[in-house]
Amino acid sequence: MNTLNFDDQELTIECPDCKSPVTFTIKQVGSSINCPNCKSIITLKDEGLKNGLANIDTMVKNLFK
């Protein structure tokens, strides 16, 4: 079975400064992006997200053992 790939999955958050929606991909987590509206720099902290997604991949693979 192939590895699940969440890298291109899009998520949307609210800009902390202007409250506009900001869309990013999982691949961008751990870096900084700019709000498309106000251009504020938003740091996308990993906080274990990528490890959590790797755990999901392992759990799904174990379903078929």
PDB file of N, CA and C in Angstrom:
ATOM      1  N   MET A   1       0.849  -1.178   0.000  1.00  0.00           N
ATOM      2  CA  MET A   1       0.000   0.000   0.000  1.00  0.00           C
ATOM      3  C   MET A   1       0.893   1.238   0.000  1.00  0.00           C
ATOM      4  N   ASN A   2       0.501   2.228  -0.756  1.00  0.00           N
ATOM      5  CA  ASN A   2       1.254   3.479  -0.824  1.00  0.00           C
ATOM      6  C   ASN A   2       1.066   4.313   0.430  1.00  0.00           C
ATOM      7  N   THR A   3       1.977   5.239   0.620  1.00  0.00           N
ATOM      8  CA  THR A   3       1.881   6.177   1.732  1.00  0.00           C
ATOM      9  C   THR A   3       0.836   7.235   1.399  1.00  0.00           C
ATOM     10  N   LEU A   4       0.014   7.577   2.369  1.00  0.00           N
ATOM     11  CA  LEU A   4      -0.946   8.661   2.175  1.00  0.00           C
ATOM     12  C   LEU A   4      -0.184   9.970   2.049  1.00  0.00           C
ATOM     13  N   ASN A   5      -0.634  10.836   1.162  1.00  0.00           N
ATOM     14  CA  ASN A   5       0.048  12.109   0.958  1.00  0.00           C
ATOM     15  C   ASN A   5      -0.915  13.248   1.269  1.00  0.00           C
ATOM     16  N   PHE A   6      -0.659  13.927   2.367  1.00  0.00           N
ATOM     17  CA  PHE A   6      -1.496  15.045   2.782  1.00  0.00           C
ATOM     18  C   PHE A   6      -0.894  16.393   2.376  1.00  0.00           C
ATOM     19  N   ASP A   7       0.294  16.386   1.740  1.00  0.00           N
ATOM     20  CA  ASP A   7       1.027  17.626   1.479  1.00  0.00           C
ATOM     21  C   ASP A   7       0.220  18.693   0.749  1.00  0.00           C
ATOM     22  N   ASP A   8      -0.621  18.278  -0.194  1.00  0.00           N
ATOM     23  CA  ASP A   8      -1.367  19.254  -0.982  1.00  0.00           C
ATOM     24  C   ASP A   8      -2.755  19.556  -0.416  1.00  0.00           C
ATOM     25  N   GLN A   9      -3.076  18.962   0.726  1.00  0.00           N
ATOM     26  CA  GLN A   9      -4.361  19.231   1.377  1.00  0.00           C
ATOM     27  C   GLN A   9      -4.407  20.690   1.810  1.00  0.00           C
ATOM     28  N   GLU A  10      -5.458  21.389   1.435  1.00  0.00           N
ATOM     29  CA  GLU A  10      -5.583  22.803   1.794  1.00  0.00           C
ATOM     30  C   GLU A  10      -6.374  22.988   3.082  1.00  0.00           C
ATOM     31  N   LEU A  11      -5.929  23.921   3.875  1.00  0.00           N
ATOM     32  CA  LEU A  11      -6.607  24.337   5.097  1.00  0.00           C
ATOM     33  C   LEU A  11      -6.783  25.846   5.038  1.00  0.00           C
ATOM     34  N   THR A  12      -7.791  26.347   5.711  1.00  0.00           N
ATOM     35  CA  THR A  12      -8.021  27.791   5.750  1.00  0.00           C
ATOM     36  C   THR A  12      -8.101  28.244   7.196  1.00  0.00           C
ATOM     37  N   ILE A  13      -7.378  29.317   7.485  1.00  0.00           N
ATOM     38  CA  ILE A  13      -7.406  29.937   8.808  1.00  0.00           C
ATOM     39  C   ILE A  13      -7.788  31.400   8.639  1.00  0.00           C
ATOM     40  N   GLU A  14      -8.002  32.054   9.754  1.00  0.00           N
ATOM     41  CA  GLU A  14      -8.300  33.483   9.755  1.00  0.00           C
ATOM     42  C   GLU A  14      -7.009  34.239  10.040  1.00  0.00           C
ATOM     43  N   CYS A  15      -6.720  35.249   9.241  1.00  0.00           N
ATOM     44  CA  CYS A  15      -5.543  36.075   9.492  1.00  0.00           C
ATOM     45  C   CYS A  15      -5.695  36.722  10.864  1.00  0.00           C
ATOM     46  N   PRO A  16      -4.670  36.617  11.708  1.00  0.00           N
ATOM     47  CA  PRO A  16      -4.780  37.203  13.046  1.00  0.00           C
ATOM     48  C   PRO A  16      -4.871  38.726  13.038  1.00  0.00           C
ATOM     49  N   ASP A  17      -4.447  39.360  11.943  1.00  0.00           N
ATOM     50  CA  ASP A  17      -4.477  40.822  11.886  1.00  0.00           C
ATOM     51  C   ASP A  17      -5.745  41.378  11.246  1.00  0.00           C
ATOM     52  N   CYS A  18      -6.075  40.911  10.035  1.00  0.00           N
ATOM     53  CA  CYS A  18      -7.211  41.509   9.317  1.00  0.00           C
ATOM     54  C   CYS A  18      -8.456  40.625   9.294  1.00  0.00           C
ATOM     55  N   LYS A  19      -8.332  39.405   9.813  1.00  0.00           N
ATOM     56  CA  LYS A  19      -9.444  38.447   9.916  1.00  0.00           C
ATOM     57  C   LYS A  19      -9.905  37.885   8.571  1.00  0.00           C
ATOM     58  N   SER A  20      -9.160  38.124   7.504  1.00  0.00           N
ATOM     59  CA  SER A  20      -9.484  37.552   6.196  1.00  0.00           C
ATOM     60  C   SER A  20      -9.106  36.077   6.170  1.00  0.00           C
ATOM     61  N   PRO A  21      -9.781  35.283   5.336  1.00  0.00           N
ATOM     62  CA  PRO A  21      -9.397  33.877   5.219  1.00  0.00           C
ATOM     63  C   PRO A  21      -8.050  33.743   4.506  1.00  0.00           C
ATOM     64  N   VAL A  22      -7.223  32.839   5.017  1.00  0.00           N
ATOM     65  CA  VAL A  22      -5.912  32.567   4.432  1.00  0.00           C
ATOM     66  C   VAL A  22      -5.826  31.059   4.220  1.00  0.00           C
ATOM     67  N   THR A  23      -5.648  30.651   2.976  1.00  0.00           N
ATOM     68  CA  THR A  23      -5.567  29.237   2.638  1.00  0.00           C
ATOM     69  C   THR A  23      -4.106  28.847   2.444  1.00  0.00           C
ATOM     70  N   PHE A  24      -3.761  27.673   2.964  1.00  0.00           N
ATOM     71  CA  PHE A  24      -2.397  27.163   2.831  1.00  0.00           C
ATOM     72  C   PHE A  24      -2.464  25.650   2.707  1.00  0.00           C
ATOM     73  N   THR A  25      -1.358  25.044   2.326  1.00  0.00           N
ATOM     74  CA  THR A  25      -1.299  23.588   2.225  1.00  0.00           C
ATOM     75  C   THR A  25      -0.499  23.019   3.392  1.00  0.00           C
ATOM     76  N   ILE A  26      -0.709  21.745   3.662  1.00  0.00           N
ATOM     77  CA  ILE A  26       0.037  21.061   4.723  1.00  0.00           C
ATOM     78  C   ILE A  26       1.538  21.186   4.467  1.00  0.00           C
ATOM     79  N   LYS A  27       1.918  21.166   3.200  1.00  0.00           N
ATOM     80  CA  LYS A  27       3.326  21.279   2.826  1.00  0.00           C
ATOM     81  C   LYS A  27       3.948  22.566   3.377  1.00  0.00           C
ATOM     82  N   GLN A  28       3.145  23.614   3.554  1.00  0.00           N
ATOM     83  CA  GLN A  28       3.648  24.903   4.037  1.00  0.00           C
ATOM     84  C   GLN A  28       3.771  24.980   5.561  1.00  0.00           C
ATOM     85  N   VAL A  29       3.222  24.000   6.269  1.00  0.00           N
ATOM     86  CA  VAL A  29       3.306  24.003   7.729  1.00  0.00           C
ATOM     87  C   VAL A  29       4.772  23.942   8.143  1.00  0.00           C
ATOM     88  N   GLY A  30       5.139  24.763   9.098  1.00  0.00           N
ATOM     89  CA  GLY A  30       6.523  24.870   9.543  1.00  0.00           C
ATOM     90  C   GLY A  30       7.245  26.040   8.901  1.00  0.00           C
ATOM     91  N   SER A  31       6.530  26.784   8.051  1.00  0.00           N
ATOM     92  CA  SER A  31       7.118  27.959   7.412  1.00  0.00           C
ATOM     93  C   SER A  31       6.228  29.172   7.669  1.00  0.00           C
ATOM     94  N   SER A  32       6.545  30.261   7.020  1.00  0.00           N
ATOM     95  CA  SER A  32       5.740  31.477   7.138  1.00  0.00           C
ATOM     96  C   SER A  32       5.130  31.801   5.784  1.00  0.00           C
ATOM     97  N   ILE A  33       3.908  32.332   5.820  1.00  0.00           N
ATOM     98  CA  ILE A  33       3.222  32.757   4.605  1.00  0.00           C
ATOM     99  C   ILE A  33       2.730  34.184   4.812  1.00  0.00           C
ATOM    100  N   ASN A  34       2.321  34.818   3.729  1.00  0.00           N
ATOM    101  CA  ASN A  34       1.762  36.164   3.810  1.00  0.00           C
ATOM    102  C   ASN A  34       0.262  36.114   3.598  1.00  0.00           C
ATOM    103  N   CYS A  35      -0.465  36.889   4.372  1.00  0.00           N
ATOM    104  CA  CYS A  35      -1.900  37.044   4.156  1.00  0.00           C
ATOM    105  C   CYS A  35      -2.083  37.694   2.785  1.00  0.00           C
ATOM    106  N   PRO A  36      -2.935  37.137   1.934  1.00  0.00           N
ATOM    107  CA  PRO A  36      -3.140  37.738   0.621  1.00  0.00           C
ATOM    108  C   PRO A  36      -3.836  39.098   0.685  1.00  0.00           C
ATOM    109  N   ASN A  37      -4.499  39.383   1.795  1.00  0.00           N
ATOM    110  CA  ASN A  37      -5.220  40.647   1.927  1.00  0.00           C
ATOM    111  C   ASN A  37      -4.345  41.757   2.509  1.00  0.00           C
ATOM    112  N   CYS A  38      -3.818  41.557   3.705  1.00  0.00           N
ATOM    113  CA  CYS A  38      -3.069  42.630   4.382  1.00  0.00           C
ATOM    114  C   CYS A  38      -1.554  42.446   4.322  1.00  0.00           C
ATOM    115  N   LYS A  39      -1.113  41.304   3.773  1.00  0.00           N
ATOM    116  CA  LYS A  39       0.319  40.998   3.606  1.00  0.00           C
ATOM    117  C   LYS A  39       1.051  40.715   4.915  1.00  0.00           C
ATOM    118  N   SER A  40       0.341  40.565   6.024  1.00  0.00           N
ATOM    119  CA  SER A  40       0.974  40.201   7.296  1.00  0.00           C
ATOM    120  C   SER A  40       1.661  38.851   7.159  1.00  0.00           C
ATOM    121  N   ILE A  41       2.757  38.688   7.876  1.00  0.00           N
ATOM    122  CA  ILE A  41       3.454  37.408   7.901  1.00  0.00           C
ATOM    123  C   ILE A  41       2.786  36.523   8.951  1.00  0.00           C
ATOM    124  N   ILE A  42       2.409  35.321   8.535  1.00  0.00           N
ATOM    125  CA  ILE A  42       1.767  34.355   9.425  1.00  0.00           C
ATOM    126  C   ILE A  42       2.681  33.137   9.518  1.00  0.00           C
ATOM    127  N   THR A  43       3.119  32.811  10.724  1.00  0.00           N
ATOM    128  CA  THR A  43       3.963  31.641  10.940  1.00  0.00           C
ATOM    129  C   THR A  43       3.073  30.432  11.195  1.00  0.00           C
ATOM    130  N   LEU A  44       3.242  29.421  10.367  1.00  0.00           N
ATOM    131  CA  LEU A  44       2.460  28.189  10.486  1.00  0.00           C
ATOM    132  C   LEU A  44       3.277  27.176  11.279  1.00  0.00           C
ATOM    133  N   LYS A  45       3.063  27.152  12.576  1.00  0.00           N
ATOM    134  CA  LYS A  45       3.816  26.256  13.456  1.00  0.00           C
ATOM    135  C   LYS A  45       3.353  24.815  13.261  1.00  0.00           C
ATOM    136  N   ASP A  46       4.309  23.901  13.284  1.00  0.00           N
ATOM    137  CA  ASP A  46       3.990  22.485  13.090  1.00  0.00           C
ATOM    138  C   ASP A  46       3.218  21.930  14.282  1.00  0.00           C
ATOM    139  N   GLU A  47       3.697  22.148  15.499  1.00  0.00           N
ATOM    140  CA  GLU A  47       3.017  21.688  16.721  1.00  0.00           C
ATOM    141  C   GLU A  47       2.590  20.227  16.644  1.00  0.00           C
ATOM    142  N   GLY A  48       3.356  19.405  15.932  1.00  0.00           N
ATOM    143  CA  GLY A  48       3.067  17.976  15.867  1.00  0.00           C
ATOM    144  C   GLY A  48       2.136  17.559  14.746  1.00  0.00           C
ATOM    145  N   LEU A  49       1.702  18.481  13.904  1.00  0.00           N
ATOM    146  CA  LEU A  49       0.757  18.149  12.838  1.00  0.00           C
ATOM    147  C   LEU A  49       1.311  17.092  11.894  1.00  0.00           C
ATOM    148  N   LYS A  50       2.530  17.276  11.424  1.00  0.00           N
ATOM    149  CA  LYS A  50       3.091  16.321  10.463  1.00  0.00           C
ATOM    150  C   LYS A  50       3.290  14.949  11.091  1.00  0.00           C
ATOM    151  N   ASN A  51       3.677  14.894  12.363  1.00  0.00           N
ATOM    152  CA  ASN A  51       3.788  13.598  13.047  1.00  0.00           C
ATOM    153  C   ASN A  51       2.416  12.952  13.186  1.00  0.00           C
ATOM    154  N   GLY A  52       1.406  13.756  13.472  1.00  0.00           N
ATOM    155  CA  GLY A  52       0.043  13.242  13.582  1.00  0.00           C
ATOM    156  C   GLY A  52      -0.443  12.651  12.271  1.00  0.00           C
ATOM    157  N   LEU A  53      -0.121  13.313  11.162  1.00  0.00           N
ATOM    158  CA  LEU A  53      -0.518  12.793   9.854  1.00  0.00           C
ATOM    159  C   LEU A  53       0.222  11.499   9.536  1.00  0.00           C
ATOM    160  N   ALA A  54       1.483  11.402   9.927  1.00  0.00           N
ATOM    161  CA  ALA A  54       2.234  10.156   9.731  1.00  0.00           C
ATOM    162  C   ALA A  54       1.598   9.028  10.539  1.00  0.00           C
ATOM    163  N   ASN A  55       1.110   9.339  11.739  1.00  0.00           N
ATOM    164  CA  ASN A  55       0.430   8.329  12.562  1.00  0.00           C
ATOM    165  C   ASN A  55      -0.860   7.861  11.908  1.00  0.00           C
ATOM    166  N   ILE A  56      -1.581   8.773  11.273  1.00  0.00           N
ATOM    167  CA  ILE A  56      -2.810   8.395  10.560  1.00  0.00           C
ATOM    168  C   ILE A  56      -2.465   7.433   9.434  1.00  0.00           C
ATOM    169  N   ASP A  57      -1.395   7.739   8.706  1.00  0.00           N
ATOM    170  CA  ASP A  57      -0.955   6.864   7.622  1.00  0.00           C
ATOM    171  C   ASP A  57      -0.685   5.456   8.148  1.00  0.00           C
ATOM    172  N   THR A  58       0.013   5.353   9.266  1.00  0.00           N
ATOM    173  CA  THR A  58       0.324   4.051   9.875  1.00  0.00           C
ATOM    174  C   THR A  58      -0.950   3.330  10.300  1.00  0.00           C
ATOM    175  N   MET A  59      -1.888   4.046  10.904  1.00  0.00           N
ATOM    176  CA  MET A  59      -3.137   3.426  11.353  1.00  0.00           C
ATOM    177  C   MET A  59      -3.936   2.882  10.174  1.00  0.00           C
ATOM    178  N   VAL A  60      -3.988   3.641   9.081  1.00  0.00           N
ATOM    179  CA  VAL A  60      -4.732   3.183   7.905  1.00  0.00           C
ATOM    180  C   VAL A  60      -4.076   1.935   7.319  1.00  0.00           C
ATOM    181  N   LYS A  61      -2.753   1.926   7.240  1.00  0.00           N
ATOM    182  CA  LYS A  61      -2.054   0.742   6.727  1.00  0.00           C
ATOM    183  C   LYS A  61      -2.336  -0.481   7.596  1.00  0.00           C
ATOM    184  N   ASN A  62      -2.424  -0.293   8.913  1.00  0.00           N
ATOM    185  CA  ASN A  62      -2.680  -1.406   9.827  1.00  0.00           C
ATOM    186  C   ASN A  62      -4.091  -1.964   9.699  1.00  0.00           C
ATOM    187  N   LEU A  63      -5.006  -1.208   9.127  1.00  0.00           N
ATOM    188  CA  LEU A  63      -6.368  -1.700   8.912  1.00  0.00           C
ATOM    189  C   LEU A  63      -6.386  -2.883   7.951  1.00  0.00           C
ATOM    190  N   PHE A  64      -5.403  -2.943   7.073  1.00  0.00           N
ATOM    191  CA  PHE A  64      -5.395  -3.953   6.020  1.00  0.00           C
ATOM    192  C   PHE A  64      -4.416  -5.091   6.280  1.00  0.00           C
ATOM    193  N   LYS A  65      -3.910  -5.192   7.494  1.00  0.00           N
ATOM    194  CA  LYS A  65      -2.981  -6.287   7.829  1.00  0.00           C
ATOM    195  C   LYS A  65      -3.737  -7.501   8.295  1.00  0.00           C
TER     196      LYS A  65
END
